[in-house]
Protein backbone atom coordinates (compact mmCIF):
# COMPACT_ATOMS: atom_id res chain seq x y z
CA UNK A 1 0.01 0.01 -0.01
CA UNK A 2 1.39 3.40 -0.88
CA UNK A 3 0.77 6.74 0.81
CA UNK A 4 -2.03 7.76 -1.56
CA UNK A 5 -3.88 4.49 -0.98
CA UNK A 6 -3.49 4.83 2.78
CA UNK A 7 -4.83 8.39 2.71
CA UNK A 8 -7.93 7.22 0.81
CA UNK A 9 -8.86 4.75 3.57
CA UNK A 10 -11.61 5.60 6.06
CA UNK A 11 -10.43 6.64 9.50
CA UNK A 12 -11.16 3.23 11.07
CA UNK A 13 -9.29 1.42 8.28
CA UNK A 14 -6.30 3.75 8.79
CA UNK A 15 -6.24 3.00 12.50
CA UNK A 16 -6.47 -0.74 11.92
CA UNK A 17 -3.66 -0.58 9.37
CA UNK A 18 -1.47 1.36 11.78
CA UNK A 19 -2.22 -1.04 14.61
CA UNK A 20 -1.68 -4.21 12.53
CA UNK A 21 1.11 -3.27 10.14
CA UNK A 22 2.98 -0.09 11.03
CA UNK A 23 6.12 0.06 13.12
CA UNK A 24 6.06 2.61 15.94
CA UNK A 25 9.26 4.65 15.86
CA UNK A 26 8.76 7.07 18.72
CA UNK A 27 6.47 9.20 20.89
CA UNK A 28 6.60 12.95 21.22
CA UNK A 29 5.05 15.10 23.93
CA UNK A 30 5.03 18.58 22.31
CA UNK A 31 6.04 21.48 24.54
CA UNK A 32 3.48 23.79 23.00
CA UNK A 33 -0.27 23.86 22.40
CA UNK A 34 -2.76 21.42 23.87
CA UNK A 35 -1.68 18.48 26.01
CA UNK A 36 -1.16 15.68 23.51
CA UNK A 37 0.98 12.78 22.53
CA UNK A 38 2.26 12.31 19.00
CA UNK A 39 3.26 8.86 17.81
CA UNK A 40 5.39 8.43 14.74
CA UNK A 41 5.08 5.24 12.69
CA UNK A 42 6.95 3.82 9.72
CA UNK A 43 4.79 2.05 7.13
CA UNK A 44 5.81 0.85 3.68
CA UNK A 45 7.62 3.82 2.08
CA UNK A 46 6.21 6.65 4.20
CA UNK A 47 5.75 7.83 7.78
CA UNK A 48 2.61 8.43 9.81
CA UNK A 49 1.97 10.96 12.54
CA UNK A 50 -0.86 10.01 14.93
CA UNK A 51 -1.90 12.84 17.28
CA UNK A 52 -3.89 12.07 20.43
CA UNK A 53 -5.44 14.77 22.62
CA UNK A 54 -4.76 13.70 26.18
CA UNK A 55 -7.51 15.78 27.83
CA UNK A 56 -10.27 14.27 25.69
CA UNK A 57 -8.48 10.98 24.95
CA UNK A 58 -9.33 11.33 21.27
CA UNK A 59 -7.21 10.84 18.15
CA UNK A 60 -7.32 14.25 16.47
CA UNK A 61 -5.05 13.78 13.47
CA UNK A 62 -3.65 11.07 11.23
CA UNK A 63 -1.07 12.61 8.91
CA UNK A 64 1.31 11.02 6.41
CA UNK A 65 4.63 12.40 5.24
CA UNK A 66 7.81 11.45 3.37
CA UNK A 67 10.26 14.13 4.38
CA UNK A 68 11.88 14.42 7.79
CA UNK A 69 11.46 18.18 7.37
CA UNK A 70 7.85 17.58 8.49
CA UNK A 71 9.11 16.77 11.98
CA UNK A 72 11.02 20.00 12.36
CA UNK A 73 7.84 21.40 13.93
CA UNK A 74 8.97 19.46 17.04
CA UNK A 75 12.44 21.01 17.39
CA UNK A 76 12.97 19.86 20.99
CA UNK A 77 12.59 16.26 19.88
CA UNK A 78 13.57 16.16 16.22
CA UNK A 79 17.32 15.67 16.59
CA UNK A 80 16.76 12.81 19.03
CA UNK A 81 14.63 10.76 16.62
CA UNK A 82 16.17 11.71 13.26
CA UNK A 83 18.69 8.86 13.29
CA UNK A 84 16.09 6.34 14.46
CA UNK A 85 13.80 7.28 11.59
CA UNK A 86 16.58 7.22 9.01
CA UNK A 87 17.57 3.76 10.17
CA UNK A 88 14.00 2.48 9.78
CA UNK A 89 13.62 4.03 6.35
CA UNK A 90 16.85 2.50 5.09
CA UNK A 91 16.01 -1.07 6.22
C-alpha cells in the first residue's frame, strides 16, 4: 500500500492498518499547544503521525509524510529521533 492508498482509507481502516502493520518509531510530547501525545510510525515507504489529545483521549489527526522536514515542527525532539527514523527508512 502506498501513501495515496493509505490516505484514501476511512479513519477506522487507517487506525487498523497502523495497529496491525505499522512500526512505531517514537512518541513525542510537544512542549506547546494542547496536552497531547504524538506517535510516529513507519509504514511501507512513508511515515505516519498520529496525534492524540490527552484531555479528551481522542485521536485528532492522522497525517502522512515522506520528508523528515515535516518533523522540524517538534524542534525539541527532532534531533533525538532523526537517526532512528533514518535507520527504519533504510531497512
